Amino acid sequence: MSAETKARLQEAIHEHMADEYDAQCVGAWLVIADTSDVDDLTKGNAQVQIEFAGSMFTIRGLAEAYRALDDRTWNQPDPDD
């Protein structure tokens, strides 16, 4: 990711958090995206792209917190069963 794109991403994250959560300051952030290259299926067709800023300790905590949240979400009974 170019420095310019990363700066725009960081600015967008800061603006979003300011809009949603008054008077809170963004510390570390982590963005994880799944991408697919539909023009070249020899690449395995799925890649994970990760961008981050801030303390590595905090970024690790963000990833672990999401993993715990995701486990609780996926381990719920299916209402259709």
N, C-alpha and C. Protein backbone atom coordinates (compact mmCIF):
# COMPACT_ATOMS: atom_id res chain seq x y z
N MET A 1 0.86 -1.17 0.00
CA MET A 1 0.00 0.00 0.00
C MET A 1 0.90 1.22 0.00
N SER A 2 0.55 2.17 -0.83
CA SER A 2 1.36 3.39 -0.90
C SER A 2 1.16 4.22 0.38
N ALA A 3 2.13 5.06 0.65
CA ALA A 3 2.03 5.92 1.83
C ALA A 3 0.82 6.86 1.71
N GLU A 4 0.54 7.32 0.50
CA GLU A 4 -0.60 8.21 0.29
C GLU A 4 -1.92 7.50 0.57
N THR A 5 -2.06 6.28 0.08
CA THR A 5 -3.28 5.51 0.32
C THR A 5 -3.44 5.20 1.80
N LYS A 6 -2.35 4.80 2.46
CA LYS A 6 -2.41 4.50 3.88
C LYS A 6 -2.79 5.74 4.69
N ALA A 7 -2.28 6.90 4.29
CA ALA A 7 -2.64 8.15 4.99
C ALA A 7 -4.13 8.45 4.81
N ARG A 8 -4.67 8.22 3.59
CA ARG A 8 -6.11 8.45 3.37
C ARG A 8 -6.94 7.46 4.17
N LEU A 9 -6.49 6.21 4.25
CA LEU A 9 -7.20 5.20 5.05
C LEU A 9 -7.21 5.61 6.52
N GLN A 10 -6.06 6.02 7.03
CA GLN A 10 -5.98 6.44 8.43
C GLN A 10 -6.90 7.65 8.68
N GLU A 11 -6.89 8.60 7.76
CA GLU A 11 -7.76 9.77 7.90
C GLU A 11 -9.23 9.36 7.92
N ALA A 12 -9.61 8.42 7.04
CA ALA A 12 -11.00 7.94 7.00
C ALA A 12 -11.38 7.24 8.30
N ILE A 13 -10.47 6.46 8.86
CA ILE A 13 -10.73 5.77 10.13
C ILE A 13 -10.92 6.81 11.23
N HIS A 14 -10.06 7.79 11.29
CA HIS A 14 -10.18 8.84 12.31
C HIS A 14 -11.49 9.61 12.15
N GLU A 15 -11.86 9.96 10.92
CA GLU A 15 -13.11 10.68 10.69
C GLU A 15 -14.32 9.83 11.07
N HIS A 16 -14.30 8.56 10.72
CA HIS A 16 -15.40 7.66 11.07
C HIS A 16 -15.57 7.55 12.58
N MET A 17 -14.48 7.36 13.28
CA MET A 17 -14.56 7.22 14.73
C MET A 17 -15.02 8.53 15.38
N ALA A 18 -14.58 9.66 14.85
CA ALA A 18 -15.03 10.96 15.38
C ALA A 18 -16.53 11.15 15.15
N ASP A 19 -17.02 10.70 14.00
CA ASP A 19 -18.46 10.79 13.72
C ASP A 19 -19.28 9.89 14.64
N GLU A 20 -18.79 8.70 14.87
CA GLU A 20 -19.55 7.70 15.62
C GLU A 20 -19.38 7.82 17.13
N TYR A 21 -18.22 8.23 17.57
CA TYR A 21 -17.90 8.22 19.00
C TYR A 21 -17.29 9.57 19.37
N ASP A 22 -18.11 10.50 19.78
CA ASP A 22 -17.66 11.85 20.10
C ASP A 22 -16.53 11.84 21.13
N ALA A 23 -15.57 12.70 20.91
CA ALA A 23 -14.47 12.98 21.85
C ALA A 23 -13.60 11.78 22.15
N GLN A 24 -13.54 10.81 21.23
CA GLN A 24 -12.63 9.68 21.43
C GLN A 24 -11.52 9.75 20.40
N CYS A 25 -10.35 9.40 20.84
CA CYS A 25 -9.15 9.46 20.01
C CYS A 25 -8.78 8.06 19.54
N VAL A 26 -8.46 7.92 18.26
CA VAL A 26 -8.06 6.62 17.72
C VAL A 26 -6.61 6.35 18.10
N GLY A 27 -6.39 5.17 18.62
CA GLY A 27 -5.02 4.73 18.89
C GLY A 27 -4.59 3.84 17.73
N ALA A 28 -4.40 2.60 18.00
CA ALA A 28 -4.02 1.65 16.96
C ALA A 28 -5.25 1.27 16.15
N TRP A 29 -5.01 0.83 14.91
CA TRP A 29 -6.10 0.31 14.10
C TRP A 29 -5.59 -0.84 13.25
N LEU A 30 -6.53 -1.68 12.83
CA LEU A 30 -6.21 -2.88 12.07
C LEU A 30 -7.32 -3.10 11.04
N VAL A 31 -6.94 -3.27 9.79
CA VAL A 31 -7.90 -3.56 8.73
C VAL A 31 -7.46 -4.87 8.08
N ILE A 32 -8.38 -5.82 8.00
CA ILE A 32 -8.11 -7.11 7.36
C ILE A 32 -9.13 -7.29 6.25
N ALA A 33 -8.66 -7.55 5.05
CA ALA A 33 -9.57 -7.72 3.92
C ALA A 33 -9.24 -9.00 3.17
N ASP A 34 -10.27 -9.69 2.74
CA ASP A 34 -10.13 -10.87 1.90
C ASP A 34 -10.27 -10.40 0.46
N THR A 35 -9.33 -10.76 -0.38
CA THR A 35 -9.38 -10.36 -1.78
C THR A 35 -9.32 -11.58 -2.69
N SER A 36 -9.88 -11.45 -3.86
CA SER A 36 -9.86 -12.52 -4.85
C SER A 36 -9.40 -11.95 -6.18
N ASP A 37 -8.56 -12.68 -6.87
CA ASP A 37 -8.12 -12.30 -8.21
C ASP A 37 -8.85 -13.19 -9.20
N VAL A 38 -9.95 -12.68 -9.73
CA VAL A 38 -10.77 -13.50 -10.62
C VAL A 38 -10.14 -13.64 -12.00
N ASP A 39 -9.10 -12.86 -12.30
CA ASP A 39 -8.42 -12.97 -13.59
C ASP A 39 -7.30 -14.00 -13.60
N ASP A 40 -6.88 -14.46 -12.42
CA ASP A 40 -5.78 -15.42 -12.35
C ASP A 40 -6.08 -16.44 -11.25
N LEU A 41 -6.78 -17.49 -11.62
CA LEU A 41 -7.19 -18.51 -10.64
C LEU A 41 -6.02 -19.36 -10.17
N THR A 42 -4.84 -19.25 -10.80
CA THR A 42 -3.69 -20.04 -10.38
C THR A 42 -3.12 -19.54 -9.06
N LYS A 43 -3.52 -18.34 -8.62
CA LYS A 43 -3.03 -17.79 -7.35
C LYS A 43 -3.75 -18.36 -6.15
N GLY A 44 -4.67 -19.28 -6.36
CA GLY A 44 -5.43 -19.79 -5.23
C GLY A 44 -6.70 -18.99 -5.02
N ASN A 45 -6.83 -17.88 -5.73
CA ASN A 45 -8.04 -17.08 -5.80
C ASN A 45 -8.45 -16.38 -4.51
N ALA A 46 -7.72 -16.51 -3.44
CA ALA A 46 -8.07 -15.78 -2.22
C ALA A 46 -6.78 -15.37 -1.50
N GLN A 47 -6.75 -14.14 -1.11
CA GLN A 47 -5.61 -13.62 -0.36
C GLN A 47 -6.13 -12.75 0.76
N VAL A 48 -5.39 -12.68 1.84
CA VAL A 48 -5.73 -11.80 2.95
C VAL A 48 -4.77 -10.63 2.93
N GLN A 49 -5.33 -9.42 2.93
CA GLN A 49 -4.53 -8.21 2.94
C GLN A 49 -4.69 -7.56 4.31
N ILE A 50 -3.59 -7.13 4.92
CA ILE A 50 -3.62 -6.56 6.26
C ILE A 50 -2.89 -5.22 6.26
N GLU A 51 -3.52 -4.23 6.83
CA GLU A 51 -2.90 -2.93 7.05
C GLU A 51 -3.14 -2.54 8.50
N PHE A 52 -2.20 -1.83 9.10
CA PHE A 52 -2.33 -1.47 10.51
C PHE A 52 -1.49 -0.26 10.82
N ALA A 53 -1.78 0.33 11.96
CA ALA A 53 -0.96 1.43 12.48
C ALA A 53 -1.08 1.42 13.99
N GLY A 54 0.01 1.77 14.67
CA GLY A 54 0.00 1.85 16.11
C GLY A 54 0.85 0.79 16.77
N SER A 55 0.68 0.68 18.05
CA SER A 55 1.44 -0.26 18.87
C SER A 55 1.14 -1.70 18.47
N MET A 56 2.19 -2.49 18.23
CA MET A 56 2.00 -3.90 17.87
C MET A 56 1.30 -4.66 19.00
N PHE A 57 1.56 -4.29 20.23
CA PHE A 57 0.89 -4.93 21.36
C PHE A 57 -0.62 -4.68 21.27
N THR A 58 -1.02 -3.45 20.97
CA THR A 58 -2.43 -3.11 20.86
C THR A 58 -3.06 -3.76 19.63
N ILE A 59 -2.34 -3.79 18.52
CA ILE A 59 -2.86 -4.42 17.31
C ILE A 59 -3.11 -5.90 17.56
N ARG A 60 -2.21 -6.56 18.26
CA ARG A 60 -2.41 -7.98 18.59
C ARG A 60 -3.66 -8.13 19.46
N GLY A 61 -3.86 -7.21 20.40
CA GLY A 61 -5.04 -7.23 21.24
C GLY A 61 -6.32 -7.05 20.43
N LEU A 62 -6.29 -6.16 19.43
CA LEU A 62 -7.46 -5.97 18.57
C LEU A 62 -7.80 -7.26 17.82
N ALA A 63 -6.77 -7.92 17.29
CA ALA A 63 -6.99 -9.17 16.56
C ALA A 63 -7.54 -10.25 17.49
N GLU A 64 -7.00 -10.35 18.68
CA GLU A 64 -7.48 -11.36 19.64
C GLU A 64 -8.90 -11.05 20.10
N ALA A 65 -9.21 -9.77 20.30
CA ALA A 65 -10.56 -9.38 20.71
C ALA A 65 -11.56 -9.74 19.62
N TYR A 66 -11.21 -9.49 18.36
CA TYR A 66 -12.10 -9.86 17.26
C TYR A 66 -12.28 -11.36 17.21
N ARG A 67 -11.20 -12.10 17.38
CA ARG A 67 -11.29 -13.57 17.34
C ARG A 67 -12.22 -14.09 18.42
N ALA A 68 -12.15 -13.53 19.61
CA ALA A 68 -13.04 -13.94 20.70
C ALA A 68 -14.48 -13.58 20.37
N LEU A 69 -14.69 -12.39 19.82
CA LEU A 69 -16.04 -11.96 19.43
C LEU A 69 -16.57 -12.87 18.33
N ASP A 70 -15.73 -13.17 17.35
CA ASP A 70 -16.14 -14.03 16.24
C ASP A 70 -16.50 -15.42 16.74
N ASP A 71 -15.74 -15.96 17.69
CA ASP A 71 -16.06 -17.28 18.26
C ASP A 71 -17.43 -17.27 18.90
N ARG A 72 -17.75 -16.21 19.65
CA ARG A 72 -19.07 -16.12 20.29
C ARG A 72 -20.17 -16.00 19.25
N THR A 73 -19.91 -15.30 18.17
CA THR A 73 -20.91 -15.12 17.12
C THR A 73 -21.18 -16.43 16.39
N TRP A 74 -20.13 -17.13 16.02
CA TRP A 74 -20.30 -18.35 15.23
C TRP A 74 -20.74 -19.55 16.06
N ASN A 75 -20.54 -19.52 17.36
CA ASN A 75 -20.89 -20.65 18.20
C ASN A 75 -22.30 -20.55 18.77
N GLN A 76 -23.14 -19.73 18.16
CA GLN A 76 -24.54 -19.61 18.58
C GLN A 76 -25.38 -20.65 17.84
N PRO A 77 -26.45 -21.15 18.48
CA PRO A 77 -27.33 -22.09 17.78
C PRO A 77 -27.94 -21.43 16.55
N ASP A 78 -28.10 -22.19 15.50
CA ASP A 78 -28.71 -21.69 14.27
C ASP A 78 -30.21 -21.66 14.45
N PRO A 79 -30.85 -20.48 14.32
CA PRO A 79 -32.30 -20.39 14.53
C PRO A 79 -33.10 -21.18 13.51
N ASP A 80 -32.47 -21.54 12.39
CA ASP A 80 -33.17 -22.32 11.36
C ASP A 80 -33.15 -23.82 11.62
N ASP A 81 -32.37 -24.25 12.60
CA ASP A 81 -32.30 -25.71 12.90
C ASP A 81 -33.45 -26.14 13.77
